[in-house]
Structures are given as structure tokens and as C-alpha cells.
Amino acid sequence: MSEENPKLLLVDDDEIFCKVLSRALQKREYNVEVAYNQKDALEQAQQLHPEFAIVDLRIGNDSGLNVIKSLASSYPDIRIVVLTGFASISTAVESIKLGAIHYLTKPAEIDDILTAFYHDEGNADINLQTQPMSAKRMEWEHLQKVLHDHNGNISAAARAMGMHRRTLQRKLSKKPVKV
């Protein structure tokens, strides 16, 4: 990794969020390129050869998991942090398996994101949940797992769960409920 102006790829479909985060990263002397979809992310990565990446899980209709997989296979030393407003256990696990080094939920502070790039070891002292997951959170986790198992295809996931596609879309458009 270079010491001066490390190259960072920011992948998120929220243009305002990208503008704010990009500005904060540039103030910390990162060379930032922004991509708003999977295709642009992979094209920009070929030109930039990023050392770091911040990837949202939902990039419009694209899955950030595919971006993580491609970046990790093309750039073995890249440090990828997932930043999402739709956190779930299954996507956290898959993100790490595919090559991300950390998984954060939005909103996240810039210092937390930068710290996550260098967080190489797990924390055995992390606070454990004292209460079981709520039924609504369990439903959210299940929807995310089935959707992932069907490669993000909402119609196929809805058929597998015996529900109408629009019902599943409505449930997925809601923010995840607290644990």
C-alpha cells in the first residue's frame, strides 16, 4: 500500500451521501473515486487499482456482494469495508467470506470507517446480546437469507416463500428492525 494519498473506491448509489463521504475522505488525503453502480465500480477499479473500498450492499438494483467478490479477486490486498443501511446476519457473513474486512451499518462516522480498514482481528470482548431476537427482526433476517439464496432475485425469493413479489418488495423496502 502506498503511504501517500491511498487510492479508495467508494461504491454507493446515494449521490449526496457519496459527495459528503468523498469530501471527508479527501480531507484525510485519500484519492477517492466514486461509482454509483456495479458496472462503473468495476471499470473504475481497473483504472484506479484501489487499496481501499467502501461498498454499499444495495447499489440500485445491483448487489454490493458481487462488487466485493470482484474487487477481492482482482486486488488481493484491497481493504474492503461494507457500509449498509440494510444490515443482516447473512449479508454480514457473506460479505466477510467474499473478501470484506469489516461490516458497518449506516450511519457511520468517518473515523469509524477509517478505523475499520485496519481492524484485522476479532474482538472477543464485544458485548453479547442479552435478549433473543425479536420476531420482526427474525423475519427480516429470514427474508434477507432467502433473497441471498436466490441471488437477489425478488421474484424467485417470493415464489420460494409463497408470497407475492410486491409483498416481498414492500417488506424489503423497510429498514431492518432493531434486534
N, C-alpha and C. Protein backbone atom coordinates (compact mmCIF):
# COMPACT_ATOMS: atom_id res chain seq x y z
N MET A 1 0.83 -1.19 0.00
CA MET A 1 0.00 0.00 0.00
C MET A 1 0.88 1.25 0.00
N SER A 2 0.45 2.24 -0.71
CA SER A 2 1.22 3.47 -0.76
C SER A 2 0.95 4.28 0.50
N GLU A 3 1.94 5.05 0.90
CA GLU A 3 1.82 5.86 2.11
C GLU A 3 1.13 7.18 1.81
N GLU A 4 1.30 7.71 0.59
CA GLU A 4 0.73 9.00 0.26
C GLU A 4 -0.53 8.84 -0.57
N ASN A 5 -1.55 9.57 -0.19
CA ASN A 5 -2.81 9.58 -0.92
C ASN A 5 -3.25 8.18 -1.35
N PRO A 6 -3.61 7.34 -0.39
CA PRO A 6 -4.08 5.99 -0.76
C PRO A 6 -5.31 6.07 -1.65
N LYS A 7 -5.40 5.14 -2.59
CA LYS A 7 -6.50 5.11 -3.56
C LYS A 7 -7.69 4.37 -2.98
N LEU A 8 -8.85 5.02 -3.00
CA LEU A 8 -10.06 4.46 -2.41
C LEU A 8 -11.21 4.54 -3.40
N LEU A 9 -11.92 3.43 -3.53
CA LEU A 9 -13.11 3.37 -4.38
C LEU A 9 -14.33 3.36 -3.48
N LEU A 10 -15.22 4.32 -3.68
CA LEU A 10 -16.46 4.44 -2.93
C LEU A 10 -17.61 4.02 -3.85
N VAL A 11 -18.35 2.97 -3.45
CA VAL A 11 -19.42 2.44 -4.29
C VAL A 11 -20.75 2.53 -3.54
N ASP A 12 -21.60 3.43 -3.98
CA ASP A 12 -22.91 3.63 -3.35
C ASP A 12 -23.79 4.38 -4.35
N ASP A 13 -25.08 4.08 -4.36
CA ASP A 13 -25.96 4.75 -5.32
C ASP A 13 -26.53 6.07 -4.80
N ASP A 14 -26.25 6.44 -3.57
CA ASP A 14 -26.74 7.68 -2.99
C ASP A 14 -25.72 8.79 -3.28
N GLU A 15 -26.04 9.63 -4.26
CA GLU A 15 -25.08 10.64 -4.72
C GLU A 15 -24.73 11.66 -3.64
N ILE A 16 -25.70 12.08 -2.85
CA ILE A 16 -25.44 13.06 -1.80
C ILE A 16 -24.53 12.44 -0.73
N PHE A 17 -24.85 11.23 -0.32
CA PHE A 17 -24.02 10.53 0.65
C PHE A 17 -22.59 10.41 0.13
N CYS A 18 -22.44 10.04 -1.14
CA CYS A 18 -21.10 9.89 -1.73
C CYS A 18 -20.34 11.21 -1.74
N LYS A 19 -21.04 12.29 -2.05
CA LYS A 19 -20.39 13.59 -2.09
C LYS A 19 -19.86 13.97 -0.70
N VAL A 20 -20.68 13.76 0.33
CA VAL A 20 -20.28 14.11 1.69
C VAL A 20 -19.12 13.22 2.16
N LEU A 21 -19.26 11.91 1.97
CA LEU A 21 -18.22 10.98 2.41
C LEU A 21 -16.93 11.17 1.62
N SER A 22 -17.05 11.39 0.32
CA SER A 22 -15.88 11.61 -0.53
C SER A 22 -15.11 12.84 -0.06
N ARG A 23 -15.82 13.90 0.23
CA ARG A 23 -15.18 15.14 0.70
C ARG A 23 -14.43 14.89 2.03
N ALA A 24 -15.06 14.15 2.94
CA ALA A 24 -14.43 13.85 4.23
C ALA A 24 -13.18 12.99 4.03
N LEU A 25 -13.24 12.05 3.11
CA LEU A 25 -12.08 11.19 2.84
C LEU A 25 -10.95 11.97 2.17
N GLN A 26 -11.30 12.87 1.27
CA GLN A 26 -10.29 13.69 0.59
C GLN A 26 -9.58 14.61 1.58
N LYS A 27 -10.32 15.11 2.58
CA LYS A 27 -9.70 15.94 3.62
C LYS A 27 -8.68 15.14 4.41
N ARG A 28 -8.86 13.82 4.44
CA ARG A 28 -7.91 12.94 5.13
C ARG A 28 -6.88 12.37 4.14
N GLU A 29 -6.80 13.03 2.99
CA GLU A 29 -5.80 12.77 1.96
C GLU A 29 -5.92 11.42 1.26
N TYR A 30 -7.15 10.97 1.07
CA TYR A 30 -7.40 9.79 0.24
C TYR A 30 -7.71 10.27 -1.17
N ASN A 31 -7.22 9.52 -2.15
CA ASN A 31 -7.56 9.76 -3.55
C ASN A 31 -8.84 8.96 -3.80
N VAL A 32 -9.99 9.63 -3.89
CA VAL A 32 -11.29 8.96 -3.92
C VAL A 32 -11.90 8.99 -5.31
N GLU A 33 -12.35 7.83 -5.76
CA GLU A 33 -13.16 7.71 -6.97
C GLU A 33 -14.50 7.14 -6.53
N VAL A 34 -15.57 7.66 -7.13
CA VAL A 34 -16.93 7.25 -6.75
C VAL A 34 -17.59 6.52 -7.90
N ALA A 35 -18.28 5.44 -7.58
CA ALA A 35 -19.08 4.70 -8.56
C ALA A 35 -20.48 4.53 -7.98
N TYR A 36 -21.48 4.71 -8.84
CA TYR A 36 -22.87 4.64 -8.39
C TYR A 36 -23.56 3.34 -8.78
N ASN A 37 -22.82 2.44 -9.45
CA ASN A 37 -23.39 1.13 -9.81
C ASN A 37 -22.25 0.13 -9.97
N GLN A 38 -22.62 -1.13 -10.10
CA GLN A 38 -21.64 -2.21 -10.16
C GLN A 38 -20.74 -2.09 -11.39
N LYS A 39 -21.32 -1.83 -12.54
CA LYS A 39 -20.54 -1.74 -13.77
C LYS A 39 -19.47 -0.65 -13.67
N ASP A 40 -19.87 0.54 -13.23
CA ASP A 40 -18.91 1.64 -13.09
C ASP A 40 -17.85 1.34 -12.03
N ALA A 41 -18.25 0.66 -10.97
CA ALA A 41 -17.30 0.32 -9.91
C ALA A 41 -16.18 -0.56 -10.44
N LEU A 42 -16.55 -1.56 -11.22
CA LEU A 42 -15.54 -2.49 -11.74
C LEU A 42 -14.67 -1.82 -12.80
N GLU A 43 -15.26 -0.95 -13.61
CA GLU A 43 -14.47 -0.22 -14.61
C GLU A 43 -13.50 0.75 -13.94
N GLN A 44 -13.97 1.48 -12.92
CA GLN A 44 -13.10 2.43 -12.23
C GLN A 44 -11.99 1.71 -11.47
N ALA A 45 -12.31 0.55 -10.92
CA ALA A 45 -11.30 -0.22 -10.20
C ALA A 45 -10.16 -0.62 -11.12
N GLN A 46 -10.47 -0.95 -12.37
CA GLN A 46 -9.42 -1.33 -13.33
C GLN A 46 -8.45 -0.18 -13.57
N GLN A 47 -8.97 1.04 -13.58
CA GLN A 47 -8.12 2.20 -13.80
C GLN A 47 -7.40 2.65 -12.52
N LEU A 48 -8.10 2.56 -11.39
CA LEU A 48 -7.58 3.09 -10.13
C LEU A 48 -6.66 2.13 -9.39
N HIS A 49 -6.92 0.82 -9.49
CA HIS A 49 -6.22 -0.18 -8.68
C HIS A 49 -6.27 0.23 -7.20
N PRO A 50 -7.48 0.26 -6.63
CA PRO A 50 -7.65 0.80 -5.27
C PRO A 50 -7.02 -0.07 -4.19
N GLU A 51 -6.57 0.61 -3.16
CA GLU A 51 -6.05 -0.06 -1.97
C GLU A 51 -7.17 -0.27 -0.96
N PHE A 52 -8.19 0.60 -1.04
CA PHE A 52 -9.33 0.57 -0.13
C PHE A 52 -10.62 0.69 -0.91
N ALA A 53 -11.68 0.15 -0.36
CA ALA A 53 -13.01 0.32 -0.96
C ALA A 53 -14.06 0.36 0.14
N ILE A 54 -15.04 1.21 -0.07
CA ILE A 54 -16.23 1.26 0.77
C ILE A 54 -17.37 0.88 -0.15
N VAL A 55 -18.07 -0.20 0.19
CA VAL A 55 -19.11 -0.72 -0.70
C VAL A 55 -20.43 -0.83 0.04
N ASP A 56 -21.46 -0.24 -0.55
CA ASP A 56 -22.82 -0.39 -0.02
C ASP A 56 -23.35 -1.74 -0.49
N LEU A 57 -24.22 -2.36 0.29
CA LEU A 57 -24.78 -3.66 -0.12
C LEU A 57 -25.82 -3.52 -1.22
N ARG A 58 -26.60 -2.46 -1.16
CA ARG A 58 -27.62 -2.23 -2.19
C ARG A 58 -27.20 -1.03 -3.02
N ILE A 59 -26.84 -1.31 -4.25
CA ILE A 59 -26.39 -0.26 -5.17
C ILE A 59 -27.41 -0.21 -6.29
N GLY A 60 -28.50 0.51 -6.07
CA GLY A 60 -29.60 0.49 -7.03
C GLY A 60 -30.16 -0.91 -7.09
N ASN A 61 -30.16 -1.49 -8.28
CA ASN A 61 -30.61 -2.86 -8.45
C ASN A 61 -29.47 -3.88 -8.35
N ASP A 62 -28.26 -3.40 -8.14
CA ASP A 62 -27.09 -4.27 -8.06
C ASP A 62 -26.81 -4.68 -6.62
N SER A 63 -26.12 -5.80 -6.47
CA SER A 63 -25.72 -6.28 -5.16
C SER A 63 -24.27 -5.92 -4.89
N GLY A 64 -24.03 -5.30 -3.76
CA GLY A 64 -22.66 -4.99 -3.37
C GLY A 64 -21.82 -6.24 -3.15
N LEU A 65 -22.50 -7.37 -2.87
CA LEU A 65 -21.76 -8.62 -2.69
C LEU A 65 -20.98 -9.00 -3.95
N ASN A 66 -21.57 -8.75 -5.10
CA ASN A 66 -20.87 -9.03 -6.37
C ASN A 66 -19.66 -8.12 -6.54
N VAL A 67 -19.80 -6.87 -6.12
CA VAL A 67 -18.69 -5.92 -6.21
C VAL A 67 -17.56 -6.38 -5.29
N ILE A 68 -17.91 -6.77 -4.07
CA ILE A 68 -16.91 -7.25 -3.11
C ILE A 68 -16.15 -8.43 -3.69
N LYS A 69 -16.88 -9.39 -4.22
CA LYS A 69 -16.26 -10.59 -4.78
C LYS A 69 -15.29 -10.24 -5.91
N SER A 70 -15.73 -9.38 -6.82
CA SER A 70 -14.88 -8.99 -7.95
C SER A 70 -13.64 -8.22 -7.50
N LEU A 71 -13.84 -7.26 -6.59
CA LEU A 71 -12.69 -6.48 -6.12
C LEU A 71 -11.68 -7.35 -5.39
N ALA A 72 -12.19 -8.23 -4.52
CA ALA A 72 -11.29 -9.08 -3.73
C ALA A 72 -10.51 -10.05 -4.61
N SER A 73 -11.14 -10.54 -5.67
CA SER A 73 -10.42 -11.48 -6.54
C SER A 73 -9.43 -10.75 -7.45
N SER A 74 -9.74 -9.54 -7.85
CA SER A 74 -8.85 -8.78 -8.74
C SER A 74 -7.71 -8.09 -7.98
N TYR A 75 -7.97 -7.71 -6.73
CA TYR A 75 -6.99 -6.96 -5.94
C TYR A 75 -6.86 -7.63 -4.57
N PRO A 76 -6.05 -8.67 -4.45
CA PRO A 76 -5.97 -9.47 -3.22
C PRO A 76 -5.63 -8.68 -1.96
N ASP A 77 -4.95 -7.55 -2.09
CA ASP A 77 -4.56 -6.77 -0.92
C ASP A 77 -5.54 -5.65 -0.57
N ILE A 78 -6.61 -5.53 -1.31
CA ILE A 78 -7.57 -4.45 -1.08
C ILE A 78 -8.25 -4.62 0.28
N ARG A 79 -8.52 -3.51 0.93
CA ARG A 79 -9.19 -3.49 2.23
C ARG A 79 -10.61 -2.97 1.99
N ILE A 80 -11.60 -3.85 2.08
CA ILE A 80 -12.98 -3.50 1.76
C ILE A 80 -13.81 -3.41 3.04
N VAL A 81 -14.49 -2.29 3.20
CA VAL A 81 -15.43 -2.11 4.30
C VAL A 81 -16.82 -1.99 3.69
N VAL A 82 -17.74 -2.79 4.21
CA VAL A 82 -19.13 -2.73 3.78
C VAL A 82 -19.84 -1.72 4.66
N LEU A 83 -20.62 -0.86 4.03
CA LEU A 83 -21.39 0.15 4.75
C LEU A 83 -22.82 0.06 4.25
N THR A 84 -23.75 -0.31 5.12
CA THR A 84 -25.11 -0.55 4.66
C THR A 84 -26.16 -0.05 5.63
N GLY A 85 -27.29 0.33 5.10
CA GLY A 85 -28.46 0.67 5.90
C GLY A 85 -29.37 -0.51 6.07
N PHE A 86 -29.05 -1.63 5.43
CA PHE A 86 -29.88 -2.83 5.46
C PHE A 86 -29.07 -4.01 5.98
N ALA A 87 -28.58 -3.89 7.19
CA ALA A 87 -27.73 -4.92 7.77
C ALA A 87 -28.52 -6.18 8.11
N SER A 88 -27.89 -7.30 7.88
CA SER A 88 -28.45 -8.59 8.30
C SER A 88 -27.29 -9.53 8.58
N ILE A 89 -27.57 -10.55 9.36
CA ILE A 89 -26.54 -11.52 9.70
C ILE A 89 -26.02 -12.20 8.44
N SER A 90 -26.93 -12.63 7.57
CA SER A 90 -26.49 -13.37 6.38
C SER A 90 -25.62 -12.52 5.46
N THR A 91 -25.96 -11.23 5.28
CA THR A 91 -25.12 -10.41 4.41
C THR A 91 -23.80 -10.06 5.07
N ALA A 92 -23.79 -9.95 6.39
CA ALA A 92 -22.52 -9.70 7.09
C ALA A 92 -21.58 -10.89 6.89
N VAL A 93 -22.10 -12.08 7.09
CA VAL A 93 -21.29 -13.29 6.95
C VAL A 93 -20.79 -13.41 5.50
N GLU A 94 -21.68 -13.25 4.55
CA GLU A 94 -21.29 -13.40 3.14
C GLU A 94 -20.28 -12.33 2.73
N SER A 95 -20.45 -11.11 3.22
CA SER A 95 -19.50 -10.03 2.89
C SER A 95 -18.09 -10.39 3.32
N ILE A 96 -17.97 -10.91 4.53
CA ILE A 96 -16.66 -11.28 5.05
C ILE A 96 -16.10 -12.47 4.28
N LYS A 97 -16.93 -13.46 3.99
CA LYS A 97 -16.48 -14.62 3.22
C LYS A 97 -15.99 -14.22 1.83
N LEU A 98 -16.62 -13.20 1.25
CA LEU A 98 -16.27 -12.78 -0.11
C LEU A 98 -15.05 -11.85 -0.15
N GLY A 99 -14.61 -11.37 1.01
CA GLY A 99 -13.39 -10.58 0.99
C GLY A 99 -13.43 -9.26 1.74
N ALA A 100 -14.57 -8.84 2.26
CA ALA A 100 -14.60 -7.61 3.05
C ALA A 100 -13.88 -7.86 4.38
N ILE A 101 -13.31 -6.81 4.94
CA ILE A 101 -12.63 -6.98 6.23
C ILE A 101 -13.47 -6.47 7.38
N HIS A 102 -14.49 -5.67 7.06
CA HIS A 102 -15.37 -5.16 8.11
C HIS A 102 -16.73 -4.83 7.53
N TYR A 103 -17.72 -4.75 8.42
CA TYR A 103 -19.12 -4.55 8.04
C TYR A 103 -19.71 -3.55 9.03
N LEU A 104 -20.10 -2.38 8.53
CA LEU A 104 -20.66 -1.33 9.37
C LEU A 104 -22.06 -0.96 8.90
N THR A 105 -22.86 -0.49 9.83
CA THR A 105 -24.20 -0.04 9.46
C THR A 105 -24.22 1.49 9.36
N LYS A 106 -25.05 1.97 8.45
CA LYS A 106 -25.25 3.41 8.31
C LYS A 106 -26.20 3.87 9.40
N PRO A 107 -26.06 5.04 9.89
CA PRO A 107 -24.98 5.98 9.61
C PRO A 107 -23.72 5.59 10.39
N ALA A 108 -22.58 5.86 9.80
CA ALA A 108 -21.31 5.57 10.46
C ALA A 108 -20.43 6.82 10.38
N GLU A 109 -19.70 7.04 11.42
CA GLU A 109 -18.78 8.18 11.47
C GLU A 109 -17.56 7.88 10.61
N ILE A 110 -16.98 8.92 10.03
CA ILE A 110 -15.81 8.75 9.16
C ILE A 110 -14.66 8.09 9.91
N ASP A 111 -14.47 8.44 11.17
CA ASP A 111 -13.37 7.84 11.94
C ASP A 111 -13.62 6.34 12.16
N ASP A 112 -14.87 5.93 12.33
CA ASP A 112 -15.18 4.50 12.48
C ASP A 112 -14.90 3.74 11.19
N ILE A 113 -15.20 4.37 10.06
CA ILE A 113 -14.94 3.73 8.77
C ILE A 113 -13.44 3.55 8.57
N LEU A 114 -12.68 4.60 8.83
CA LEU A 114 -11.24 4.53 8.64
C LEU A 114 -10.60 3.54 9.61
N THR A 115 -11.09 3.49 10.84
CA THR A 115 -10.59 2.52 11.81
C THR A 115 -10.87 1.10 11.33
N ALA A 116 -12.03 0.90 10.72
CA ALA A 116 -12.43 -0.44 10.24
C ALA A 116 -11.45 -0.97 9.20
N PHE A 117 -10.83 -0.10 8.42
CA PHE A 117 -9.86 -0.55 7.41
C PHE A 117 -8.67 -1.27 8.04
N TYR A 118 -8.38 -0.95 9.28
CA TYR A 118 -7.20 -1.52 9.94
C TYR A 118 -7.57 -2.45 11.09
N HIS A 119 -8.82 -2.83 11.16
CA HIS A 119 -9.31 -3.72 12.22
C HIS A 119 -9.15 -5.16 11.73
N ASP A 120 -7.98 -5.73 12.00
CA ASP A 120 -7.63 -7.03 11.44
C ASP A 120 -8.05 -8.22 12.28
N GLU A 121 -8.27 -8.01 13.55
CA GLU A 121 -8.58 -9.13 14.42
C GLU A 121 -9.97 -8.96 15.03
N GLY A 122 -10.59 -10.09 15.34
CA GLY A 122 -11.89 -10.06 16.00
C GLY A 122 -11.76 -9.60 17.44
N ASN A 123 -12.89 -9.24 18.04
CA ASN A 123 -12.91 -8.75 19.40
C ASN A 123 -13.74 -9.70 20.26
N ALA A 124 -13.08 -10.53 21.05
CA ALA A 124 -13.77 -11.50 21.90
C ALA A 124 -14.50 -10.81 23.05
N ASP A 125 -14.22 -9.54 23.30
CA ASP A 125 -14.84 -8.82 24.41
C ASP A 125 -16.07 -8.02 23.99
N ILE A 126 -16.50 -8.18 22.75
CA ILE A 126 -17.67 -7.44 22.28
C ILE A 126 -18.89 -7.82 23.11
N ASN A 127 -19.76 -6.85 23.34
CA ASN A 127 -20.95 -7.11 24.15
C ASN A 127 -21.88 -8.07 23.42
N LEU A 128 -22.30 -9.10 24.12
CA LEU A 128 -23.23 -10.07 23.56
C LEU A 128 -24.66 -9.65 23.86
N GLN A 129 -25.58 -10.03 22.97
CA GLN A 129 -27.00 -9.72 23.18
C GLN A 129 -27.50 -10.44 24.43
N THR A 130 -28.29 -9.75 25.22
CA THR A 130 -28.86 -10.37 26.42
C THR A 130 -30.28 -10.86 26.17
N GLN A 131 -30.88 -10.38 25.09
CA GLN A 131 -32.25 -10.77 24.75
C GLN A 131 -32.24 -11.48 23.40
N PRO A 132 -33.14 -12.45 23.22
CA PRO A 132 -33.23 -13.07 21.89
C PRO A 132 -33.75 -12.07 20.86
N MET A 133 -33.53 -12.38 19.59
CA MET A 133 -34.00 -11.54 18.51
C MET A 133 -35.52 -11.43 18.53
N SER A 134 -36.04 -10.26 18.20
CA SER A 134 -37.49 -10.09 18.12
C SER A 134 -38.02 -10.86 16.91
N ALA A 135 -39.31 -11.16 16.92
CA ALA A 135 -39.93 -11.89 15.81
C ALA A 135 -39.81 -11.08 14.51
N LYS A 136 -39.98 -9.76 14.60
CA LYS A 136 -39.86 -8.93 13.39
C LYS A 136 -38.43 -8.96 12.84
N ARG A 137 -37.45 -8.95 13.74
CA ARG A 137 -36.06 -9.00 13.28
C ARG A 137 -35.75 -10.37 12.68
N MET A 138 -36.29 -11.43 13.28
CA MET A 138 -36.09 -12.77 12.73
C MET A 138 -36.69 -12.86 11.33
N GLU A 139 -37.87 -12.25 11.14
CA GLU A 139 -38.48 -12.25 9.81
C GLU A 139 -37.56 -11.52 8.82
N TRP A 140 -37.03 -10.36 9.22
CA TRP A 140 -36.14 -9.58 8.37
C TRP A 140 -34.91 -10.42 7.98
N GLU A 141 -34.31 -11.09 8.94
CA GLU A 141 -33.15 -11.93 8.69
C GLU A 141 -33.50 -13.06 7.72
N HIS A 142 -34.66 -13.67 7.92
CA HIS A 142 -35.08 -14.76 7.05
C HIS A 142 -35.29 -14.26 5.61
N LEU A 143 -35.94 -13.12 5.46
CA LEU A 143 -36.15 -12.55 4.12
C LEU A 143 -34.81 -12.29 3.44
N GLN A 144 -33.85 -11.76 4.18
CA GLN A 144 -32.54 -11.47 3.62
C GLN A 144 -31.83 -12.76 3.19
N LYS A 145 -31.93 -13.80 4.00
CA LYS A 145 -31.28 -15.07 3.67
C LYS A 145 -31.88 -15.69 2.43
N VAL A 146 -33.21 -15.73 2.35
CA VAL A 146 -33.87 -16.32 1.18
C VAL A 146 -33.54 -15.49 -0.06
N LEU A 147 -33.56 -14.18 0.05
CA LEU A 147 -33.21 -13.32 -1.08
C LEU A 147 -31.78 -13.60 -1.53
N HIS A 148 -30.87 -13.72 -0.58
CA HIS A 148 -29.48 -14.03 -0.92
C HIS A 148 -29.38 -15.40 -1.59
N ASP A 149 -30.11 -16.39 -1.05
CA ASP A 149 -30.08 -17.74 -1.62
C ASP A 149 -30.58 -17.77 -3.07
N HIS A 150 -31.36 -16.75 -3.45
CA HIS A 150 -31.88 -16.66 -4.82
C HIS A 150 -31.18 -15.55 -5.60
N ASN A 151 -29.93 -15.28 -5.20
CA ASN A 151 -29.06 -14.32 -5.90
C ASN A 151 -29.70 -12.95 -6.10
N GLY A 152 -30.47 -12.50 -5.11
CA GLY A 152 -31.08 -11.18 -5.17
C GLY A 152 -32.31 -11.11 -6.06
N ASN A 153 -32.75 -12.23 -6.60
CA ASN A 153 -33.93 -12.25 -7.48
C ASN A 153 -35.18 -12.23 -6.61
N ILE A 154 -35.85 -11.08 -6.57
CA ILE A 154 -37.02 -10.91 -5.70
C ILE A 154 -38.15 -11.83 -6.11
N SER A 155 -38.39 -12.00 -7.40
CA SER A 155 -39.48 -12.87 -7.86
C SER A 155 -39.24 -14.32 -7.42
N ALA A 156 -38.03 -14.80 -7.59
CA ALA A 156 -37.71 -16.19 -7.21
C ALA A 156 -37.80 -16.37 -5.70
N ALA A 157 -37.31 -15.38 -4.94
CA ALA A 157 -37.38 -15.46 -3.48
C ALA A 157 -38.83 -15.44 -3.01
N ALA A 158 -39.65 -14.60 -3.62
CA ALA A 158 -41.06 -14.53 -3.25
C ALA A 158 -41.76 -15.86 -3.53
N ARG A 159 -41.48 -16.46 -4.69
CA ARG A 159 -42.07 -17.76 -5.01
C ARG A 159 -41.65 -18.81 -3.98
N ALA A 160 -40.37 -18.79 -3.60
CA ALA A 160 -39.86 -19.76 -2.64
C ALA A 160 -40.55 -19.62 -1.28
N MET A 161 -40.95 -18.40 -0.94
CA MET A 161 -41.59 -18.17 0.35
C MET A 161 -43.12 -18.18 0.26
N GLY A 162 -43.63 -18.39 -0.95
CA GLY A 162 -45.08 -18.45 -1.12
C GLY A 162 -45.77 -17.12 -0.90
N MET A 163 -45.12 -16.04 -1.30
CA MET A 163 -45.75 -14.72 -1.17
C MET A 163 -45.67 -13.97 -2.49
N HIS A 164 -46.47 -12.95 -2.61
CA HIS A 164 -46.47 -12.14 -3.82
C HIS A 164 -45.19 -11.31 -3.86
N ARG A 165 -44.67 -11.11 -5.06
CA ARG A 165 -43.43 -10.35 -5.25
C ARG A 165 -43.55 -8.95 -4.64
N ARG A 166 -44.69 -8.28 -4.83
CA ARG A 166 -44.86 -6.92 -4.30
C ARG A 166 -44.85 -6.91 -2.77
N THR A 167 -45.39 -7.96 -2.18
CA THR A 167 -45.37 -8.06 -0.71
C THR A 167 -43.93 -8.14 -0.23
N LEU A 168 -43.13 -8.97 -0.89
CA LEU A 168 -41.73 -9.08 -0.51
C LEU A 168 -41.00 -7.76 -0.72
N GLN A 169 -41.25 -7.10 -1.84
CA GLN A 169 -40.61 -5.82 -2.10
C GLN A 169 -40.96 -4.81 -1.01
N ARG A 170 -42.22 -4.79 -0.60
CA ARG A 170 -42.66 -3.86 0.44
C ARG A 170 -41.92 -4.15 1.75
N LYS A 171 -41.83 -5.44 2.11
CA LYS A 171 -41.15 -5.80 3.34
C LYS A 171 -39.66 -5.47 3.28
N LEU A 172 -39.05 -5.63 2.12
CA LEU A 172 -37.62 -5.35 1.96
C LEU A 172 -37.32 -3.87 1.94
N SER A 173 -38.29 -3.05 1.53
CA SER A 173 -38.04 -1.62 1.44
C SER A 173 -38.01 -0.95 2.80
N LYS A 174 -38.50 -1.64 3.82
CA LYS A 174 -38.47 -1.10 5.18
C LYS A 174 -37.08 -1.28 5.76
N LYS A 175 -36.72 -0.36 6.63
CA LYS A 175 -35.44 -0.50 7.34
C LYS A 175 -35.52 -1.70 8.26
N PRO A 176 -34.40 -2.37 8.50
CA PRO A 176 -34.44 -3.50 9.43
C PRO A 176 -34.81 -3.03 10.82
N VAL A 177 -35.58 -3.87 11.51
CA VAL A 177 -35.98 -3.52 12.86
C VAL A 177 -34.85 -3.82 13.82
N LYS A 178 -34.87 -3.19 14.97
CA LYS A 178 -33.84 -3.42 15.97
C LYS A 178 -33.88 -4.87 16.43
N VAL A 179 -32.73 -5.34 16.86
CA VAL A 179 -32.61 -6.71 17.33
C VAL A 179 -33.48 -6.86 18.54
